[in-house]
Amino acid sequence: MKFLHTMIRVGDLEKSINFYTNALGMTLIKKNEYPDGKFTLAFMGYSKDGPQIELTYNWDTNKYNIGDGFGHIALAVDDINLACDTVIAAGGKVTRKPGPMKFGTTVIAFVEDPDGYKIELINN
C-alpha cells in the first residue's frame, strides 16, 4: 500500500491554492473540474509521487465547519522561524509561535490555512 492523499474541503479554491503554494512551498500537481458534479479537485504536494493534499471545492459552498474530530496536517521544516515568516508574508496566520512542544523538546509551530485548517510545522 501507499499513502496517496488527505482531502479537505475549501471555500475559495484559488485562495487555498495560493496559500499552499506561496506560504508552504507546495506545487499544484493536478487540477480537475467536474461540471456535472459542480466541484473541482486540486492536488497539492511537494512531489507527484509523494503524499498530497486534495483540495475539494464544491462550487455551491464557500464555508465549512471543520468539526472537532480533525486535528492538523504536519509538515517538517528545516527552519521553523523562516517557515513562519514565509506564512505571514503570504498572508497566512501563525496561531502558535515556534517553541518547544508541551512536555517535550521538539520545536513546533502552528499555522492556519484560509479555511482555518491547522498545520503543524515541526523543526527538523
PDB file of N, CA and C in Angstrom:
ATOM      1  N   MET A   1       0.836  -1.185   0.000  1.00  0.00           N
ATOM      2  CA  MET A   1       0.000   0.000   0.000  1.00  0.00           C
ATOM      3  C   MET A   1       0.877   1.244   0.000  1.00  0.00           C
ATOM      4  N   LYS A   2       0.262   2.342  -0.408  1.00  0.00           N
ATOM      5  CA  LYS A   2       0.968   3.611  -0.474  1.00  0.00           C
ATOM      6  C   LYS A   2       0.022   4.720  -0.033  1.00  0.00           C
ATOM      7  N   PHE A   3       0.506   5.623   0.807  1.00  0.00           N
ATOM      8  CA  PHE A   3      -0.295   6.778   1.223  1.00  0.00           C
ATOM      9  C   PHE A   3      -0.405   7.723   0.039  1.00  0.00           C
ATOM     10  N   LEU A   4      -1.633   8.084  -0.364  1.00  0.00           N
ATOM     11  CA  LEU A   4      -1.826   8.941  -1.527  1.00  0.00           C
ATOM     12  C   LEU A   4      -2.120  10.391  -1.159  1.00  0.00           C
ATOM     13  N   HIS A   5      -3.220  10.619  -0.438  1.00  0.00           N
ATOM     14  CA  HIS A   5      -3.591  11.999  -0.135  1.00  0.00           C
ATOM     15  C   HIS A   5      -4.568  12.068   1.026  1.00  0.00           C
ATOM     16  N   THR A   6      -4.721  13.285   1.539  1.00  0.00           N
ATOM     17  CA  THR A   6      -5.752  13.634   2.505  1.00  0.00           C
ATOM     18  C   THR A   6      -6.614  14.699   1.846  1.00  0.00           C
ATOM     19  N   MET A   7      -7.928  14.554   1.950  1.00  0.00           N
ATOM     20  CA  MET A   7      -8.845  15.505   1.310  1.00  0.00           C
ATOM     21  C   MET A   7      -9.409  16.468   2.355  1.00  0.00           C
ATOM     22  N   ILE A   8      -9.408  17.762   2.008  1.00  0.00           N
ATOM     23  CA  ILE A   8     -10.093  18.766   2.815  1.00  0.00           C
ATOM     24  C   ILE A   8     -10.947  19.617   1.875  1.00  0.00           C
ATOM     25  N   ARG A   9     -12.087  20.069   2.385  1.00  0.00           N
ATOM     26  CA  ARG A   9     -12.986  20.919   1.596  1.00  0.00           C
ATOM     27  C   ARG A   9     -12.625  22.379   1.840  1.00  0.00           C
ATOM     28  N   VAL A  10     -12.597  23.150   0.763  1.00  0.00           N
ATOM     29  CA  VAL A  10     -12.215  24.560   0.864  1.00  0.00           C
ATOM     30  C   VAL A  10     -13.298  25.446   0.273  1.00  0.00           C
ATOM     31  N   GLY A  11     -13.383  26.675   0.786  1.00  0.00           N
ATOM     32  CA  GLY A  11     -14.412  27.607   0.346  1.00  0.00           C
ATOM     33  C   GLY A  11     -13.991  28.497  -0.813  1.00  0.00           C
ATOM     34  N   ASP A  12     -12.709  28.738  -0.993  1.00  0.00           N
ATOM     35  CA  ASP A  12     -12.193  29.568  -2.089  1.00  0.00           C
ATOM     36  C   ASP A  12     -10.958  28.861  -2.634  1.00  0.00           C
ATOM     37  N   LEU A  13     -11.121  28.155  -3.735  1.00  0.00           N
ATOM     38  CA  LEU A  13     -10.062  27.300  -4.255  1.00  0.00           C
ATOM     39  C   LEU A  13      -8.798  28.076  -4.602  1.00  0.00           C
ATOM     40  N   GLU A  14      -8.922  29.182  -5.291  1.00  0.00           N
ATOM     41  CA  GLU A  14      -7.718  29.935  -5.692  1.00  0.00           C
ATOM     42  C   GLU A  14      -6.969  30.480  -4.487  1.00  0.00           C
ATOM     43  N   LYS A  15      -7.700  30.950  -3.488  1.00  0.00           N
ATOM     44  CA  LYS A  15      -7.066  31.444  -2.261  1.00  0.00           C
ATOM     45  C   LYS A  15      -6.314  30.305  -1.565  1.00  0.00           C
ATOM     46  N   SER A  16      -6.915  29.119  -1.541  1.00  0.00           N
ATOM     47  CA  SER A  16      -6.269  27.968  -0.913  1.00  0.00           C
ATOM     48  C   SER A  16      -5.046  27.515  -1.700  1.00  0.00           C
ATOM     49  N   ILE A  17      -5.156  27.461  -3.021  1.00  0.00           N
ATOM     50  CA  ILE A  17      -4.009  27.082  -3.854  1.00  0.00           C
ATOM     51  C   ILE A  17      -2.864  28.068  -3.624  1.00  0.00           C
ATOM     52  N   ASN A  18      -3.170  29.356  -3.584  1.00  0.00           N
ATOM     53  CA  ASN A  18      -2.137  30.370  -3.329  1.00  0.00           C
ATOM     54  C   ASN A  18      -1.474  30.164  -1.972  1.00  0.00           C
ATOM     55  N   PHE A  19      -2.257  29.845  -0.946  1.00  0.00           N
ATOM     56  CA  PHE A  19      -1.694  29.620   0.385  1.00  0.00           C
ATOM     57  C   PHE A  19      -0.743  28.431   0.378  1.00  0.00           C
ATOM     58  N   TYR A  20      -1.204  27.298  -0.123  1.00  0.00           N
ATOM     59  CA  TYR A  20      -0.370  26.093  -0.090  1.00  0.00           C
ATOM     60  C   TYR A  20       0.854  26.232  -0.993  1.00  0.00           C
ATOM     61  N   THR A  21       0.741  27.039  -2.036  1.00  0.00           N
ATOM     62  CA  THR A  21       1.877  27.271  -2.937  1.00  0.00           C
ATOM     63  C   THR A  21       2.848  28.290  -2.344  1.00  0.00           C
ATOM     64  N   ASN A  22       2.343  29.471  -2.011  1.00  0.00           N
ATOM     65  CA  ASN A  22       3.209  30.575  -1.590  1.00  0.00           C
ATOM     66  C   ASN A  22       3.637  30.509  -0.132  1.00  0.00           C
ATOM     67  N   ALA A  23       2.747  30.077   0.752  1.00  0.00           N
ATOM     68  CA  ALA A  23       3.090  30.046   2.179  1.00  0.00           C
ATOM     69  C   ALA A  23       3.806  28.763   2.577  1.00  0.00           C
ATOM     70  N   LEU A  24       3.457  27.643   1.915  1.00  0.00           N
ATOM     71  CA  LEU A  24       4.026  26.359   2.330  1.00  0.00           C
ATOM     72  C   LEU A  24       4.920  25.720   1.274  1.00  0.00           C
ATOM     73  N   GLY A  25       5.075  26.359   0.134  1.00  0.00           N
ATOM     74  CA  GLY A  25       6.014  25.882  -0.875  1.00  0.00           C
ATOM     75  C   GLY A  25       5.593  24.641  -1.636  1.00  0.00           C
ATOM     76  N   MET A  26       4.313  24.306  -1.594  1.00  0.00           N
ATOM     77  CA  MET A  26       3.835  23.144  -2.350  1.00  0.00           C
ATOM     78  C   MET A  26       3.643  23.514  -3.812  1.00  0.00           C
ATOM     79  N   THR A  27       3.408  22.510  -4.620  1.00  0.00           N
ATOM     80  CA  THR A  27       3.147  22.686  -6.040  1.00  0.00           C
ATOM     81  C   THR A  27       1.745  22.182  -6.338  1.00  0.00           C
ATOM     82  N   LEU A  28       1.065  22.861  -7.250  1.00  0.00           N
ATOM     83  CA  LEU A  28      -0.210  22.354  -7.753  1.00  0.00           C
ATOM     84  C   LEU A  28       0.127  21.215  -8.708  1.00  0.00           C
ATOM     85  N   ILE A  29      -0.167  20.003  -8.313  1.00  0.00           N
ATOM     86  CA  ILE A  29       0.213  18.824  -9.082  1.00  0.00           C
ATOM     87  C   ILE A  29      -0.821  18.488 -10.144  1.00  0.00           C
ATOM     88  N   LYS A  30      -2.085  18.643  -9.783  1.00  0.00           N
ATOM     89  CA  LYS A  30      -3.150  18.298 -10.730  1.00  0.00           C
ATOM     90  C   LYS A  30      -4.415  19.030 -10.320  1.00  0.00           C
ATOM     91  N   LYS A  31      -5.179  19.480 -11.302  1.00  0.00           N
ATOM     92  CA  LYS A  31      -6.443  20.165 -11.039  1.00  0.00           C
ATOM     93  C   LYS A  31      -7.459  19.670 -12.063  1.00  0.00           C
ATOM     94  N   ASN A  32      -8.595  19.166 -11.571  1.00  0.00           N
ATOM     95  CA  ASN A  32      -9.636  18.653 -12.448  1.00  0.00           C
ATOM     96  C   ASN A  32     -10.977  19.259 -12.077  1.00  0.00           C
ATOM     97  N   GLU A  33     -11.717  19.705 -13.088  1.00  0.00           N
ATOM     98  CA  GLU A  33     -13.067  20.216 -12.874  1.00  0.00           C
ATOM     99  C   GLU A  33     -14.072  19.146 -13.268  1.00  0.00           C
ATOM    100  N   TYR A  34     -15.159  19.067 -12.521  1.00  0.00           N
ATOM    101  CA  TYR A  34     -16.233  18.114 -12.766  1.00  0.00           C
ATOM    102  C   TYR A  34     -17.547  18.879 -12.857  1.00  0.00           C
ATOM    103  N   PRO A  35     -17.835  19.462 -14.048  1.00  0.00           N
ATOM    104  CA  PRO A  35     -19.024  20.303 -14.204  1.00  0.00           C
ATOM    105  C   PRO A  35     -20.336  19.598 -13.860  1.00  0.00           C
ATOM    106  N   ASP A  36     -20.459  18.328 -14.195  1.00  0.00           N
ATOM    107  CA  ASP A  36     -21.704  17.622 -13.879  1.00  0.00           C
ATOM    108  C   ASP A  36     -21.911  17.489 -12.375  1.00  0.00           C
ATOM    109  N   GLY A  37     -20.831  17.365 -11.645  1.00  0.00           N
ATOM    110  CA  GLY A  37     -20.908  17.272 -10.189  1.00  0.00           C
ATOM    111  C   GLY A  37     -20.762  18.610  -9.488  1.00  0.00           C
ATOM    112  N   LYS A  38     -20.409  19.640 -10.245  1.00  0.00           N
ATOM    113  CA  LYS A  38     -20.226  21.000  -9.728  1.00  0.00           C
ATOM    114  C   LYS A  38     -19.153  21.059  -8.632  1.00  0.00           C
ATOM    115  N   PHE A  39     -17.995  20.458  -8.923  1.00  0.00           N
ATOM    116  CA  PHE A  39     -16.882  20.536  -7.992  1.00  0.00           C
ATOM    117  C   PHE A  39     -15.570  20.481  -8.759  1.00  0.00           C
ATOM    118  N   THR A  40     -14.507  20.952  -8.080  1.00  0.00           N
ATOM    119  CA  THR A  40     -13.149  20.939  -8.618  1.00  0.00           C
ATOM    120  C   THR A  40     -12.233  20.305  -7.577  1.00  0.00           C
ATOM    121  N   LEU A  41     -11.295  19.493  -8.060  1.00  0.00           N
ATOM    122  CA  LEU A  41     -10.286  18.902  -7.189  1.00  0.00           C
ATOM    123  C   LEU A  41      -8.926  19.452  -7.574  1.00  0.00           C
ATOM    124  N   ALA A  42      -8.163  19.892  -6.578  1.00  0.00           N
ATOM    125  CA  ALA A  42      -6.797  20.363  -6.803  1.00  0.00           C
ATOM    126  C   ALA A  42      -5.893  19.597  -5.844  1.00  0.00           C
ATOM    127  N   PHE A  43      -4.862  18.962  -6.400  1.00  0.00           N
ATOM    128  CA  PHE A  43      -3.936  18.182  -5.598  1.00  0.00           C
ATOM    129  C   PHE A  43      -2.656  18.973  -5.388  1.00  0.00           C
ATOM    130  N   MET A  44      -2.291  19.180  -4.123  1.00  0.00           N
ATOM    131  CA  MET A  44      -1.124  19.956  -3.734  1.00  0.00           C
ATOM    132  C   MET A  44      -0.108  19.042  -3.073  1.00  0.00           C
ATOM    133  N   GLY A  45       1.184  19.290  -3.332  1.00  0.00           N
ATOM    134  CA  GLY A  45       2.203  18.486  -2.678  1.00  0.00           C
ATOM    135  C   GLY A  45       3.591  18.955  -3.032  1.00  0.00           C
ATOM    136  N   TYR A  46       4.574  18.234  -2.521  1.00  0.00           N
ATOM    137  CA  TYR A  46       5.971  18.540  -2.795  1.00  0.00           C
ATOM    138  C   TYR A  46       6.524  17.663  -3.906  1.00  0.00           C
ATOM    139  N   SER A  47       5.786  16.606  -4.240  1.00  0.00           N
ATOM    140  CA  SER A  47       6.205  15.680  -5.281  1.00  0.00           C
ATOM    141  C   SER A  47       4.974  14.951  -5.793  1.00  0.00           C
ATOM    142  N   LYS A  48       4.914  14.700  -7.091  1.00  0.00           N
ATOM    143  CA  LYS A  48       3.747  13.989  -7.614  1.00  0.00           C
ATOM    144  C   LYS A  48       3.726  12.538  -7.161  1.00  0.00           C
ATOM    145  N   ASP A  49       4.855  12.039  -6.675  1.00  0.00           N
ATOM    146  CA  ASP A  49       4.926  10.665  -6.193  1.00  0.00           C
ATOM    147  C   ASP A  49       4.760  10.554  -4.677  1.00  0.00           C
ATOM    148  N   GLY A  50       4.728  11.693  -3.977  1.00  0.00           N
ATOM    149  CA  GLY A  50       4.613  11.677  -2.521  1.00  0.00           C
ATOM    150  C   GLY A  50       3.192  11.975  -2.078  1.00  0.00           C
ATOM    151  N   PRO A  51       2.958  11.965  -0.769  1.00  0.00           N
ATOM    152  CA  PRO A  51       1.633  12.279  -0.235  1.00  0.00           C
ATOM    153  C   PRO A  51       1.192  13.683  -0.659  1.00  0.00           C
ATOM    154  N   GLN A  52      -0.106  13.841  -0.845  1.00  0.00           N
ATOM    155  CA  GLN A  52      -0.647  15.112  -1.302  1.00  0.00           C
ATOM    156  C   GLN A  52      -1.858  15.511  -0.467  1.00  0.00           C
ATOM    157  N   ILE A  53      -2.221  16.772  -0.593  1.00  0.00           N
ATOM    158  CA  ILE A  53      -3.464  17.275  -0.018  1.00  0.00           C
ATOM    159  C   ILE A  53      -4.409  17.535  -1.179  1.00  0.00           C
ATOM    160  N   GLU A  54      -5.565  16.913  -1.109  1.00  0.00           N
ATOM    161  CA  GLU A  54      -6.601  17.129  -2.129  1.00  0.00           C
ATOM    162  C   GLU A  54      -7.517  18.238  -1.629  1.00  0.00           C
ATOM    163  N   LEU A  55      -7.500  19.368  -2.322  1.00  0.00           N
ATOM    164  CA  LEU A  55      -8.407  20.465  -2.010  1.00  0.00           C
ATOM    165  C   LEU A  55      -9.672  20.242  -2.823  1.00  0.00           C
ATOM    166  N   THR A  56     -10.788  20.042  -2.154  1.00  0.00           N
ATOM    167  CA  THR A  56     -12.064  19.828  -2.836  1.00  0.00           C
ATOM    168  C   THR A  56     -12.878  21.106  -2.734  1.00  0.00           C
ATOM    169  N   TYR A  57     -13.220  21.656  -3.894  1.00  0.00           N
ATOM    170  CA  TYR A  57     -14.030  22.871  -3.943  1.00  0.00           C
ATOM    171  C   TYR A  57     -15.382  22.535  -4.561  1.00  0.00           C
ATOM    172  N   ASN A  58     -16.430  22.559  -3.728  1.00  0.00           N
ATOM    173  CA  ASN A  58     -17.800  22.384  -4.205  1.00  0.00           C
ATOM    174  C   ASN A  58     -18.323  23.752  -4.600  1.00  0.00           C
ATOM    175  N   TRP A  59     -18.698  23.890  -5.846  1.00  0.00           N
ATOM    176  CA  TRP A  59     -18.996  25.197  -6.417  1.00  0.00           C
ATOM    177  C   TRP A  59     -20.098  25.958  -5.679  1.00  0.00           C
ATOM    178  N   ASP A  60     -20.958  25.271  -4.974  1.00  0.00           N
ATOM    179  CA  ASP A  60     -22.083  25.941  -4.312  1.00  0.00           C
ATOM    180  C   ASP A  60     -21.860  26.151  -2.810  1.00  0.00           C
ATOM    181  N   THR A  61     -20.636  25.907  -2.319  1.00  0.00           N
ATOM    182  CA  THR A  61     -20.363  26.047  -0.888  1.00  0.00           C
ATOM    183  C   THR A  61     -19.091  26.863  -0.695  1.00  0.00           C
ATOM    184  N   ASN A  62     -19.186  27.922   0.114  1.00  0.00           N
ATOM    185  CA  ASN A  62     -17.997  28.755   0.329  1.00  0.00           C
ATOM    186  C   ASN A  62     -17.477  28.730   1.762  1.00  0.00           C
ATOM    187  N   LYS A  63     -18.083  27.908   2.652  1.00  0.00           N
ATOM    188  CA  LYS A  63     -17.606  27.829   4.034  1.00  0.00           C
ATOM    189  C   LYS A  63     -18.010  26.485   4.624  1.00  0.00           C
ATOM    190  N   TYR A  64     -17.110  25.927   5.427  1.00  0.00           N
ATOM    191  CA  TYR A  64     -17.349  24.652   6.086  1.00  0.00           C
ATOM    192  C   TYR A  64     -17.041  24.755   7.566  1.00  0.00           C
ATOM    193  N   ASN A  65     -17.723  23.927   8.355  1.00  0.00           N
ATOM    194  CA  ASN A  65     -17.353  23.732   9.754  1.00  0.00           C
ATOM    195  C   ASN A  65     -16.316  22.620   9.773  1.00  0.00           C
ATOM    196  N   ILE A  66     -15.169  22.888  10.349  1.00  0.00           N
ATOM    197  CA  ILE A  66     -14.088  21.906  10.350  1.00  0.00           C
ATOM    198  C   ILE A  66     -14.435  20.705  11.225  1.00  0.00           C
ATOM    199  N   GLY A  67     -15.141  20.912  12.299  1.00  0.00           N
ATOM    200  CA  GLY A  67     -15.506  19.804  13.177  1.00  0.00           C
ATOM    201  C   GLY A  67     -14.481  19.582  14.271  1.00  0.00           C
ATOM    202  N   ASP A  68     -14.874  18.796  15.265  1.00  0.00           N
ATOM    203  CA  ASP A  68     -13.967  18.588  16.393  1.00  0.00           C
ATOM    204  C   ASP A  68     -13.175  17.289  16.287  1.00  0.00           C
ATOM    205  N   GLY A  69     -13.330  16.558  15.199  1.00  0.00           N
ATOM    206  CA  GLY A  69     -12.567  15.337  15.008  1.00  0.00           C
ATOM    207  C   GLY A  69     -11.266  15.549  14.257  1.00  0.00           C
ATOM    208  N   PHE A  70     -11.185  16.628  13.508  1.00  0.00           N
ATOM    209  CA  PHE A  70      -9.975  16.909  12.734  1.00  0.00           C
ATOM    210  C   PHE A  70      -8.934  17.544  13.638  1.00  0.00           C
ATOM    211  N   GLY A  71      -7.689  17.099  13.503  1.00  0.00           N
ATOM    212  CA  GLY A  71      -6.605  17.681  14.294  1.00  0.00           C
ATOM    213  C   GLY A  71      -5.788  18.657  13.478  1.00  0.00           C
ATOM    214  N   HIS A  72      -4.844  18.144  12.683  1.00  0.00           N
ATOM    215  CA  HIS A  72      -3.992  19.017  11.900  1.00  0.00           C
ATOM    216  C   HIS A  72      -3.225  18.213  10.863  1.00  0.00           C
ATOM    217  N   ILE A  73      -2.628  18.938   9.949  1.00  0.00           N
ATOM    218  CA  ILE A  73      -1.682  18.401   8.979  1.00  0.00           C
ATOM    219  C   ILE A  73      -0.304  18.746   9.537  1.00  0.00           C
ATOM    220  N   ALA A  74       0.677  17.855   9.422  1.00  0.00           N
ATOM    221  CA  ALA A  74       2.014  18.134   9.939  1.00  0.00           C
ATOM    222  C   ALA A  74       3.032  18.166   8.807  1.00  0.00           C
ATOM    223  N   LEU A  75       3.916  19.168   8.851  1.00  0.00           N
ATOM    224  CA  LEU A  75       4.975  19.313   7.861  1.00  0.00           C
ATOM    225  C   LEU A  75       6.311  19.504   8.572  1.00  0.00           C
ATOM    226  N   ALA A  76       7.329  18.799   8.099  1.00  0.00           N
ATOM    227  CA  ALA A  76       8.684  19.010   8.606  1.00  0.00           C
ATOM    228  C   ALA A  76       9.298  20.200   7.880  1.00  0.00           C
ATOM    229  N   VAL A  77       9.996  21.055   8.622  1.00  0.00           N
ATOM    230  CA  VAL A  77      10.655  22.230   8.028  1.00  0.00           C
ATOM    231  C   VAL A  77      12.086  22.308   8.520  1.00  0.00           C
ATOM    232  N   ASP A  78      12.963  22.855   7.692  1.00  0.00           N
ATOM    233  CA  ASP A  78      14.376  22.996   8.074  1.00  0.00           C
ATOM    234  C   ASP A  78      14.614  24.197   8.974  1.00  0.00           C
ATOM    235  N   ASP A  79      13.832  25.261   8.784  1.00  0.00           N
ATOM    236  CA  ASP A  79      13.995  26.480   9.570  1.00  0.00           C
ATOM    237  C   ASP A  79      12.603  26.968   9.955  1.00  0.00           C
ATOM    238  N   ILE A  80      12.180  26.647  11.160  1.00  0.00           N
ATOM    239  CA  ILE A  80      10.807  26.932  11.583  1.00  0.00           C
ATOM    240  C   ILE A  80      10.511  28.429  11.634  1.00  0.00           C
ATOM    241  N   ASN A  81      11.494  29.235  12.001  1.00  0.00           N
ATOM    242  CA  ASN A  81      11.269  30.682  12.039  1.00  0.00           C
ATOM    243  C   ASN A  81      11.070  31.239  10.635  1.00  0.00           C
ATOM    244  N   LEU A  82      11.895  30.802   9.707  1.00  0.00           N
ATOM    245  CA  LEU A  82      11.737  31.223   8.312  1.00  0.00           C
ATOM    246  C   LEU A  82      10.402  30.750   7.755  1.00  0.00           C
ATOM    247  N   ALA A  83      10.010  29.527   8.085  1.00  0.00           N
ATOM    248  CA  ALA A  83       8.730  28.991   7.604  1.00  0.00           C
ATOM    249  C   ALA A  83       7.563  29.849   8.100  1.00  0.00           C
ATOM    250  N   CYS A  84       7.599  30.243   9.359  1.00  0.00           N
ATOM    251  CA  CYS A  84       6.533  31.098   9.911  1.00  0.00           C
ATOM    252  C   CYS A  84       6.547  32.470   9.255  1.00  0.00           C
ATOM    253  N   ASP A  85       7.737  33.024   9.042  1.00  0.00           N
ATOM    254  CA  ASP A  85       7.837  34.317   8.359  1.00  0.00           C
ATOM    255  C   ASP A  85       7.270  34.234   6.943  1.00  0.00           C
ATOM    256  N   THR A  86       7.510  33.117   6.263  1.00  0.00           N
ATOM    257  CA  THR A  86       7.002  32.922   4.901  1.00  0.00           C
ATOM    258  C   THR A  86       5.488  32.847   4.909  1.00  0.00           C
ATOM    259  N   VAL A  87       4.921  32.156   5.879  1.00  0.00           N
ATOM    260  CA  VAL A  87       3.456  32.070   6.009  1.00  0.00           C
ATOM    261  C   VAL A  87       2.870  33.459   6.212  1.00  0.00           C
ATOM    262  N   ILE A  88       3.455  34.234   7.094  1.00  0.00           N
ATOM    263  CA  ILE A  88       2.965  35.591   7.371  1.00  0.00           C
ATOM    264  C   ILE A  88       3.088  36.465   6.127  1.00  0.00           C
ATOM    265  N   ALA A  89       4.223  36.386   5.437  1.00  0.00           N
ATOM    266  CA  ALA A  89       4.436  37.192   4.225  1.00  0.00           C
ATOM    267  C   ALA A  89       3.438  36.842   3.126  1.00  0.00           C
ATOM    268  N   ALA A  90       2.968  35.596   3.135  1.00  0.00           N
ATOM    269  CA  ALA A  90       1.995  35.160   2.131  1.00  0.00           C
ATOM    270  C   ALA A  90       0.557  35.431   2.581  1.00  0.00           C
ATOM    271  N   GLY A  91       0.396  36.131   3.703  1.00  0.00           N
ATOM    272  CA  GLY A  91      -0.941  36.488   4.181  1.00  0.00           C
ATOM    273  C   GLY A  91      -1.549  35.454   5.102  1.00  0.00           C
ATOM    274  N   GLY A  92      -0.760  34.452   5.505  1.00  0.00           N
ATOM    275  CA  GLY A  92      -1.254  33.415   6.400  1.00  0.00           C
ATOM    276  C   GLY A  92      -1.178  33.842   7.854  1.00  0.00           C
ATOM    277  N   LYS A  93      -1.621  32.942   8.714  1.00  0.00           N
ATOM    278  CA  LYS A  93      -1.742  33.247  10.132  1.00  0.00           C
ATOM    279  C   LYS A  93      -0.954  32.221  10.950  1.00  0.00           C
ATOM    280  N   VAL A  94      -0.077  32.698  11.812  1.00  0.00           N
ATOM    281  CA  VAL A  94       0.631  31.835  12.760  1.00  0.00           C
ATOM    282  C   VAL A  94      -0.173  31.863  14.056  1.00  0.00           C
ATOM    283  N   THR A  95      -0.689  30.704  14.461  1.00  0.00           N
ATOM    284  CA  THR A  95      -1.521  30.648  15.668  1.00  0.00           C
ATOM    285  C   THR A  95      -0.751  30.207  16.904  1.00  0.00           C
ATOM    286  N   ARG A  96       0.416  29.614  16.707  1.00  0.00           N
ATOM    287  CA  ARG A  96       1.328  29.280  17.816  1.00  0.00           C
ATOM    288  C   ARG A  96       2.737  29.518  17.314  1.00  0.00           C
ATOM    289  N   LYS A  97       3.404  30.459  17.930  1.00  0.00           N
ATOM    290  CA  LYS A  97       4.776  30.799  17.528  1.00  0.00           C
ATOM    291  C   LYS A  97       5.711  29.626  17.815  1.00  0.00           C
ATOM    292  N   PRO A  98       6.846  29.559  17.115  1.00  0.00           N
ATOM    293  CA  PRO A  98       7.792  28.471  17.334  1.00  0.00           C
ATOM    294  C   PRO A  98       8.254  28.380  18.784  1.00  0.00           C
ATOM    295  N   GLY A  99       8.295  27.162  19.264  1.00  0.00           N
ATOM    296  CA  GLY A  99       8.773  26.902  20.617  1.00  0.00           C
ATOM    297  C   GLY A  99       8.655  25.422  20.905  1.00  0.00           C
ATOM    298  N   PRO A 100       9.217  24.991  22.054  1.00  0.00           N
ATOM    299  CA  PRO A 100       9.161  23.569  22.384  1.00  0.00           C
ATOM    300  C   PRO A 100       7.724  23.126  22.637  1.00  0.00           C
ATOM    301  N   MET A 101       7.431  21.896  22.212  1.00  0.00           N
ATOM    302  CA  MET A 101       6.099  21.362  22.462  1.00  0.00           C
ATOM    303  C   MET A 101       5.918  21.143  23.956  1.00  0.00           C
ATOM    304  N   LYS A 102       4.669  21.167  24.385  1.00  0.00           N
ATOM    305  CA  LYS A 102       4.342  20.969  25.788  1.00  0.00           C
ATOM    306  C   LYS A 102       4.861  19.602  26.240  1.00  0.00           C
ATOM    307  N   PHE A 103       5.561  19.578  27.343  1.00  0.00           N
ATOM    308  CA  PHE A 103       6.104  18.359  27.943  1.00  0.00           C
ATOM    309  C   PHE A 103       7.183  17.697  27.086  1.00  0.00           C
ATOM    310  N   GLY A 104       7.791  18.456  26.142  1.00  0.00           N
ATOM    311  CA  GLY A 104       8.820  17.887  25.289  1.00  0.00           C
ATOM    312  C   GLY A 104       9.823  18.934  24.865  1.00  0.00           C
ATOM    313  N   THR A 105      10.696  18.572  23.947  1.00  0.00           N
ATOM    314  CA  THR A 105      11.727  19.490  23.480  1.00  0.00           C
ATOM    315  C   THR A 105      11.642  19.775  21.983  1.00  0.00           C
ATOM    316  N   THR A 106      10.829  19.033  21.251  1.00  0.00           N
ATOM    317  CA  THR A 106      10.688  19.259  19.813  1.00  0.00           C
ATOM    318  C   THR A 106      10.113  20.649  19.581  1.00  0.00           C
ATOM    319  N   VAL A 107      10.736  21.411  18.681  1.00  0.00           N
ATOM    320  CA  VAL A 107      10.280  22.773  18.390  1.00  0.00           C
ATOM    321  C   VAL A 107       9.204  22.703  17.314  1.00  0.00           C
ATOM    322  N   ILE A 108       8.041  23.258  17.650  1.00  0.00           N
ATOM    323  CA  ILE A 108       6.896  23.243  16.741  1.00  0.00           C
ATOM    324  C   ILE A 108       6.268  24.631  16.649  1.00  0.00           C
ATOM    325  N   ALA A 109       5.431  24.800  15.648  1.00  0.00           N
ATOM    326  CA  ALA A 109       4.602  25.995  15.499  1.00  0.00           C
ATOM    327  C   ALA A 109       3.320  25.542  14.811  1.00  0.00           C
ATOM    328  N   PHE A 110       2.280  26.350  14.908  1.00  0.00           N
ATOM    329  CA  PHE A 110       1.038  26.066  14.196  1.00  0.00           C
ATOM    330  C   PHE A 110       0.651  27.265  13.352  1.00  0.00           C
ATOM    331  N   VAL A 111       0.172  26.967  12.149  1.00  0.00           N
ATOM    332  CA  VAL A 111      -0.350  27.992  11.251  1.00  0.00           C
ATOM    333  C   VAL A 111      -1.728  27.532  10.796  1.00  0.00           C
ATOM    334  N   GLU A 112      -2.478  28.460  10.178  1.00  0.00           N
ATOM    335  CA  GLU A 112      -3.805  28.136   9.648  1.00  0.00           C
ATOM    336  C   GLU A 112      -3.859  28.455   8.176  1.00  0.00           C
ATOM    337  N   ASP A 113      -4.573  27.615   7.433  1.00  0.00           N
ATOM    338  CA  ASP A 113      -4.816  27.922   6.026  1.00  0.00           C
ATOM    339  C   ASP A 113      -6.027  28.853   5.936  1.00  0.00           C
ATOM    340  N   PRO A 114      -6.411  29.320   4.739  1.00  0.00           N
ATOM    341  CA  PRO A 114      -7.507  30.281   4.622  1.00  0.00           C
ATOM    342  C   PRO A 114      -8.856  29.783   5.159  1.00  0.00           C
ATOM    343  N   ASP A 115      -9.048  28.460   5.246  1.00  0.00           N
ATOM    344  CA  ASP A 115     -10.301  27.915   5.758  1.00  0.00           C
ATOM    345  C   ASP A 115     -10.243  27.584   7.243  1.00  0.00           C
ATOM    346  N   GLY A 116      -9.091  27.818   7.882  1.00  0.00           N
ATOM    347  CA  GLY A 116      -8.957  27.559   9.305  1.00  0.00           C
ATOM    348  C   GLY A 116      -8.387  26.199   9.653  1.00  0.00           C
ATOM    349  N   TYR A 117      -7.960  25.420   8.651  1.00  0.00           N
ATOM    350  CA  TYR A 117      -7.333  24.136   8.951  1.00  0.00           C
ATOM    351  C   TYR A 117      -5.972  24.383   9.598  1.00  0.00           C
ATOM    352  N   LYS A 118      -5.689  23.644  10.655  1.00  0.00           N
ATOM    353  CA  LYS A 118      -4.428  23.788  11.374  1.00  0.00           C
ATOM    354  C   LYS A 118      -3.336  22.980  10.697  1.00  0.00           C
ATOM    355  N   ILE A 119      -2.152  23.578  10.622  1.00  0.00           N
ATOM    356  CA  ILE A 119      -0.983  22.928  10.064  1.00  0.00           C
ATOM    357  C   ILE A 119       0.146  23.070  11.081  1.00  0.00           C
ATOM    358  N   GLU A 120       0.670  21.936  11.528  1.00  0.00           N
ATOM    359  CA  GLU A 120       1.772  21.939  12.475  1.00  0.00           C
ATOM    360  C   GLU A 120       3.084  21.924  11.699  1.00  0.00           C
ATOM    361  N   LEU A 121       3.963  22.836  12.050  1.00  0.00           N
ATOM    362  CA  LEU A 121       5.311  22.871  11.485  1.00  0.00           C
ATOM    363  C   LEU A 121       6.238  22.286  12.541  1.00  0.00           C
ATOM    364  N   ILE A 122       7.029  21.284  12.153  1.00  0.00           N
ATOM    365  CA  ILE A 122       7.936  20.626  13.077  1.00  0.00           C
ATOM    366  C   ILE A 122       9.363  20.870  12.583  1.00  0.00           C
ATOM    367  N   ASN A 123      10.179  21.483  13.417  1.00  0.00           N
ATOM    368  CA  ASN A 123      11.557  21.796  13.040  1.00  0.00           C
ATOM    369  C   ASN A 123      12.377  20.517  12.925  1.00  0.00           C
ATOM    370  N   ASN A 124      13.074  20.359  11.801  1.00  0.00           N
ATOM    371  CA  ASN A 124      13.950  19.194  11.600  1.00  0.00           C
ATOM    372  C   ASN A 124      15.096  19.211  12.590  1.00  0.00           C
TER     373      ASN A 124
END
